[in-house]
Amino acid sequence: MKKILLLICIACLSLVASAQKIKPFKVLALYENGGHHVEYSKRAKIWLDKLAAQKGFTVDYIQNTDKIDDTFLSRYQLFIQLDYAPYAWKDKAAAAFEKYINEGKGGWIGFHHATLLGEFDGYPMWDWFSQFMGGIRWKDYIATFAKGKVNVEDKQHPVMKGVSASFLVPQEEWYTYDKSPRANVHVLASVDEASYEPQGKVKMGDHPVIWTNEHYKARNIYIFMGHSPNLFDNPAYTRLFSNAIFWAAASPQASPKERE
């Protein structure tokens, strides 16, 4: 009888372990391999590849939008816009991306340059993307950089699990926008502009830096910080990034355990 009970316990534990195992998924990372964000991209690739090897997912990298269409995106459960601006996309790529997000074909994480919204390099603003980001337009930035303290606002969100209530970012540009996106998005964290070192005039008052737009089917998260490669030496940042990957890659229909 004891032997039977032992076998039942082992079987139950095996089922639990199997349920908790992360299902393999594929990630597409669109990144800039030039300009002053190249060092961030290099560190991000090293960090992502290491995490993927440890956790059993795969990452494919592209440096432009030439390949993107509906068929190409259908291969991936997560799209990471790694310091890549929302302009100069091929028309078919923009249309496929909008469909991917609108229909919840996969998740999305955007960093830093993803909110460089406006007219740049002769290209018009992508209005759909502006709405996706909360109806904002890029206004200014701290060109000389500043240290700032980020305060977590929604500690219960899965992306913030294990992230300290506040953390310092030693070097960042801190974009400002024509308005706060707060009215149109769910804000997870904001920067305390009073903590800037050095202090300056480039401020916007209410200053969200991490948010998700719950009006779209795709799980999405925007993380402003993404300029310095030193971010990958910050445990709060890497935990945030890792959490975002597994949350955004999970299907909206996933069980609560899979979503966490």
Protein backbone atom coordinates (compact mmCIF):
# COMPACT_ATOMS: atom_id res chain seq x y z
CA MET A 1 0.00 0.00 0.00
CA LYS A 2 2.82 2.39 0.92
CA LYS A 3 4.53 1.63 -2.38
CA ILE A 4 1.34 2.48 -4.31
CA LEU A 5 0.96 5.76 -2.41
CA LEU A 6 4.59 6.62 -3.13
CA LEU A 7 4.11 5.98 -6.83
CA ILE A 8 0.98 8.16 -6.84
CA CYS A 9 2.89 10.99 -5.13
CA ILE A 10 5.72 10.75 -7.66
CA ALA A 11 3.25 10.82 -10.52
CA CYS A 12 1.51 13.89 -9.07
CA LEU A 13 4.81 15.70 -8.62
CA SER A 14 5.78 14.90 -12.19
CA LEU A 15 2.49 16.34 -13.44
CA VAL A 16 3.01 19.52 -11.44
CA ALA A 17 6.59 19.90 -12.72
CA SER A 18 5.40 19.35 -16.27
CA ALA A 19 2.63 21.96 -15.89
CA GLN A 20 5.06 24.50 -14.53
CA LYS A 21 7.62 23.98 -17.27
CA ILE A 22 7.82 26.95 -19.63
CA LYS A 23 6.50 26.14 -23.06
CA PRO A 24 9.02 26.89 -25.84
CA PHE A 25 8.28 30.03 -27.83
CA LYS A 26 9.92 32.11 -30.53
CA VAL A 27 10.92 35.75 -30.22
CA LEU A 28 11.60 38.25 -32.97
CA ALA A 29 13.89 41.13 -31.96
CA LEU A 30 14.06 44.19 -34.22
CA TYR A 31 17.12 46.20 -33.25
CA GLU A 32 19.34 49.08 -34.30
CA ASN A 33 22.89 48.12 -35.13
CA GLY A 34 24.24 51.61 -35.59
CA GLY A 35 24.24 55.07 -34.10
CA HIS A 36 24.58 55.79 -30.42
CA HIS A 37 22.30 52.88 -29.38
CA VAL A 38 24.55 50.20 -30.84
CA GLU A 39 26.27 49.41 -27.53
CA TYR A 40 22.90 48.87 -25.85
CA SER A 41 21.89 46.54 -28.69
CA LYS A 42 25.11 44.53 -28.33
CA ARG A 43 24.60 44.02 -24.60
CA ALA A 44 20.93 43.25 -25.08
CA LYS A 45 21.72 40.49 -27.58
CA ILE A 46 24.23 38.87 -25.22
CA TRP A 47 21.78 39.03 -22.34
CA LEU A 48 18.82 37.80 -24.39
CA ASP A 49 20.73 34.88 -25.88
CA LYS A 50 21.88 33.77 -22.43
CA LEU A 51 18.35 33.98 -21.01
CA ALA A 52 16.94 32.13 -24.01
CA ALA A 53 19.45 29.30 -23.57
CA GLN A 54 18.60 29.04 -19.88
CA LYS A 55 14.83 29.18 -20.28
CA GLY A 56 14.30 27.29 -23.53
CA PHE A 57 13.01 29.91 -25.95
CA THR A 58 14.65 31.13 -29.16
CA VAL A 59 15.39 34.61 -30.52
CA ASP A 60 15.78 35.69 -34.14
CA TYR A 61 17.25 39.13 -34.86
CA ILE A 62 16.56 41.53 -37.70
CA GLN A 63 17.92 45.04 -38.31
CA ASN A 64 15.22 46.38 -40.67
CA THR A 65 11.60 45.70 -41.52
CA ASP A 66 12.14 44.32 -45.04
CA LYS A 67 11.13 40.73 -44.15
CA ILE A 68 8.10 41.60 -42.04
CA ASP A 69 4.69 40.57 -43.32
CA ASP A 70 1.79 38.48 -41.96
CA THR A 71 3.47 35.17 -42.76
CA PHE A 72 6.79 36.19 -41.25
CA LEU A 73 5.22 37.42 -38.00
CA SER A 74 3.10 34.28 -37.67
CA ARG A 75 6.27 32.38 -36.68
CA TYR A 76 6.69 34.38 -33.49
CA GLN A 77 4.87 34.56 -30.17
CA LEU A 78 6.69 37.73 -29.11
CA PHE A 79 7.94 40.81 -30.96
CA ILE A 80 10.62 42.87 -29.19
CA GLN A 81 11.18 46.34 -30.62
CA LEU A 82 14.65 46.78 -29.22
CA ASP A 83 15.56 50.45 -29.62
CA TYR A 84 14.00 50.73 -33.06
CA ALA A 85 12.09 53.84 -34.07
CA PRO A 86 8.46 53.78 -35.31
CA TYR A 87 9.17 55.32 -38.70
CA ALA A 88 10.77 54.32 -42.02
CA TRP A 89 9.02 50.93 -41.84
CA LYS A 90 8.06 49.26 -45.09
CA ASP A 91 4.31 49.66 -45.74
CA LYS A 92 3.67 45.90 -45.66
CA ALA A 93 5.59 45.64 -42.39
CA ALA A 94 3.57 48.40 -40.74
CA ALA A 95 0.29 46.81 -41.89
CA ALA A 96 1.36 43.36 -40.66
CA PHE A 97 2.49 44.77 -37.30
CA GLU A 98 -0.81 46.59 -36.77
CA LYS A 99 -2.69 43.36 -37.50
CA TYR A 100 -0.39 41.39 -35.19
CA ILE A 101 -1.17 43.78 -32.31
CA ASN A 102 -4.83 44.47 -33.07
CA GLU A 103 -5.69 40.78 -33.37
CA GLY A 104 -3.46 39.58 -30.54
CA LYS A 105 -1.36 37.31 -32.74
CA GLY A 106 1.52 37.65 -30.27
CA GLY A 107 2.95 39.88 -27.57
CA TRP A 108 5.07 43.02 -27.86
CA ILE A 109 7.77 44.73 -25.79
CA GLY A 110 9.05 48.10 -26.91
CA PHE A 111 12.06 49.98 -25.59
CA HIS A 112 13.27 53.56 -25.61
CA HIS A 113 13.30 54.60 -29.29
CA ALA A 114 9.84 53.06 -29.83
CA THR A 115 8.27 56.34 -28.64
CA LEU A 116 10.29 58.58 -30.97
CA LEU A 117 6.98 59.66 -32.46
CA GLY A 118 6.78 62.63 -34.81
CA GLU A 119 8.19 63.70 -38.17
CA PHE A 120 11.80 62.52 -38.40
CA ASP A 121 14.22 62.14 -41.32
CA GLY A 122 11.52 63.13 -43.80
CA TYR A 123 9.04 60.48 -42.61
CA PRO A 124 5.55 61.28 -41.29
CA MET A 125 4.38 60.21 -37.85
CA TRP A 126 2.79 56.77 -37.72
CA ASP A 127 -0.59 57.77 -36.27
CA TRP A 128 -1.63 54.22 -35.37
CA PHE A 129 1.59 53.73 -33.40
CA SER A 130 1.05 57.03 -31.59
CA GLN A 131 -2.36 55.80 -30.43
CA PHE A 132 -0.87 52.45 -29.47
CA MET A 133 1.56 54.33 -27.22
CA GLY A 134 -1.23 56.31 -25.57
CA GLY A 135 -1.82 59.12 -28.05
CA ILE A 136 1.53 60.82 -27.52
CA ARG A 137 4.06 62.68 -29.62
CA TRP A 138 7.78 63.02 -28.79
CA LYS A 139 8.65 66.51 -27.55
CA ASP A 140 12.16 66.71 -26.07
CA TYR A 141 14.90 64.81 -24.25
CA ILE A 142 17.83 65.34 -21.89
CA ALA A 143 20.67 65.31 -24.40
CA THR A 144 23.35 65.47 -21.69
CA PHE A 145 21.74 62.61 -19.71
CA ALA A 146 20.66 62.47 -16.07
CA LYS A 147 20.39 60.01 -13.23
CA GLY A 148 16.80 59.36 -12.17
CA LYS A 149 14.77 57.29 -9.74
CA VAL A 150 12.02 55.10 -11.18
CA ASN A 151 9.06 54.41 -8.88
CA VAL A 152 6.90 51.33 -9.40
CA GLU A 153 3.21 52.21 -9.34
CA ASP A 154 1.58 48.80 -9.86
CA LYS A 155 3.50 46.34 -7.72
CA GLN A 156 0.92 43.61 -8.36
CA HIS A 157 1.38 43.45 -12.11
CA PRO A 158 3.26 40.28 -13.21
CA VAL A 159 5.88 42.39 -15.02
CA MET A 160 6.81 44.00 -11.69
CA LYS A 161 7.11 40.75 -9.75
CA GLY A 162 10.36 40.81 -7.76
CA VAL A 163 11.28 44.33 -8.95
CA SER A 164 12.22 46.73 -6.16
CA ALA A 165 9.68 49.45 -5.33
CA SER A 166 12.09 52.04 -6.71
CA PHE A 167 15.41 51.81 -8.51
CA LEU A 168 18.01 54.19 -9.88
CA VAL A 169 18.89 54.55 -13.54
CA PRO A 170 22.35 56.20 -13.60
CA GLN A 171 22.31 57.48 -17.18
CA GLU A 172 19.29 58.15 -19.37
CA GLU A 173 17.89 60.65 -21.86
CA TRP A 174 14.39 60.77 -20.28
CA TYR A 175 12.18 61.59 -23.28
CA THR A 176 9.31 63.99 -22.74
CA TYR A 177 6.08 63.97 -24.73
CA ASP A 178 3.41 66.50 -25.64
CA LYS A 179 1.28 64.99 -22.86
CA SER A 180 1.30 62.15 -20.38
CA PRO A 181 -0.09 58.89 -21.83
CA ARG A 182 -1.66 58.04 -18.46
CA ALA A 183 -5.26 58.75 -19.51
CA ASN A 184 -5.02 56.10 -22.25
CA VAL A 185 -2.74 53.44 -20.78
CA HIS A 186 -2.14 51.52 -17.57
CA VAL A 187 1.00 52.97 -15.99
CA LEU A 188 3.29 50.52 -14.18
CA ALA A 189 6.11 52.92 -13.25
CA SER A 190 7.14 56.56 -13.56
CA VAL A 191 10.31 58.58 -13.08
CA ASP A 192 10.60 61.07 -10.23
CA GLU A 193 11.82 64.19 -12.02
CA ALA A 194 12.83 65.74 -8.67
CA SER A 195 15.46 62.97 -8.41
CA TYR A 196 17.28 64.01 -11.58
CA GLU A 197 21.02 64.54 -11.23
CA PRO A 198 21.85 67.03 -12.58
CA GLN A 199 18.61 68.98 -12.48
CA GLY A 200 17.48 70.70 -15.67
CA LYS A 201 14.52 72.23 -17.48
CA VAL A 202 13.48 69.24 -19.62
CA LYS A 203 10.54 67.92 -17.59
CA MET A 204 6.89 67.02 -18.13
CA GLY A 205 5.41 66.70 -14.60
CA ASP A 206 3.56 63.38 -14.63
CA HIS A 207 6.19 61.23 -16.34
CA PRO A 208 5.31 57.55 -16.92
CA VAL A 209 8.18 55.39 -18.18
CA ILE A 210 6.67 51.89 -18.15
CA TRP A 211 3.13 51.18 -19.29
CA THR A 212 0.79 48.79 -21.06
CA ASN A 213 -2.11 49.67 -23.36
CA GLU A 214 -4.98 47.39 -22.42
CA HIS A 215 -7.16 48.57 -25.34
CA TYR A 216 -5.31 46.17 -27.68
CA LYS A 217 -5.64 42.39 -27.83
CA ALA A 218 -1.89 41.78 -27.85
CA ARG A 219 -0.13 41.79 -24.52
CA ASN A 220 2.12 44.80 -24.73
CA ILE A 221 4.57 46.63 -22.53
CA TYR A 222 6.60 49.76 -23.21
CA ILE A 223 9.80 50.29 -21.19
CA PHE A 224 11.37 53.68 -21.80
CA MET A 225 14.82 52.92 -20.37
CA GLY A 226 17.01 51.51 -23.13
CA HIS A 227 19.93 53.75 -23.95
CA SER A 228 22.93 52.66 -21.90
CA PRO A 229 24.41 49.14 -22.01
CA ASN A 230 24.99 49.55 -18.26
CA LEU A 231 21.29 48.87 -17.74
CA PHE A 232 22.14 45.18 -17.98
CA ASP A 233 24.20 45.54 -14.80
CA ASN A 234 21.05 46.68 -12.97
CA PRO A 235 19.20 43.73 -11.33
CA ALA A 236 15.90 45.64 -11.28
CA TYR A 237 16.12 46.26 -15.02
CA THR A 238 17.03 42.71 -15.98
CA ARG A 239 14.28 41.32 -13.74
CA LEU A 240 11.81 43.71 -15.34
CA PHE A 241 12.96 42.74 -18.84
CA SER A 242 12.78 39.02 -18.06
CA ASN A 243 9.31 39.31 -16.49
CA ALA A 244 8.10 41.27 -19.51
CA ILE A 245 9.26 38.54 -21.89
CA PHE A 246 7.36 35.73 -20.20
CA TRP A 247 4.26 37.81 -19.54
CA ALA A 248 3.99 39.23 -23.06
CA ALA A 249 4.77 35.90 -24.74
CA ALA A 250 1.94 34.15 -22.89
CA SER A 251 -1.37 33.82 -24.66
CA PRO A 252 -4.17 36.05 -23.31
CA GLN A 253 -6.10 32.81 -22.85
CA ALA A 254 -3.32 31.26 -20.77
CA SER A 255 -3.97 29.95 -17.29
CA PRO A 256 -3.11 32.21 -14.32
CA LYS A 257 0.04 30.15 -13.67
CA GLU A 258 1.22 30.63 -17.27
CA ARG A 259 0.59 34.38 -17.07
CA GLU A 260 2.76 34.88 -13.98
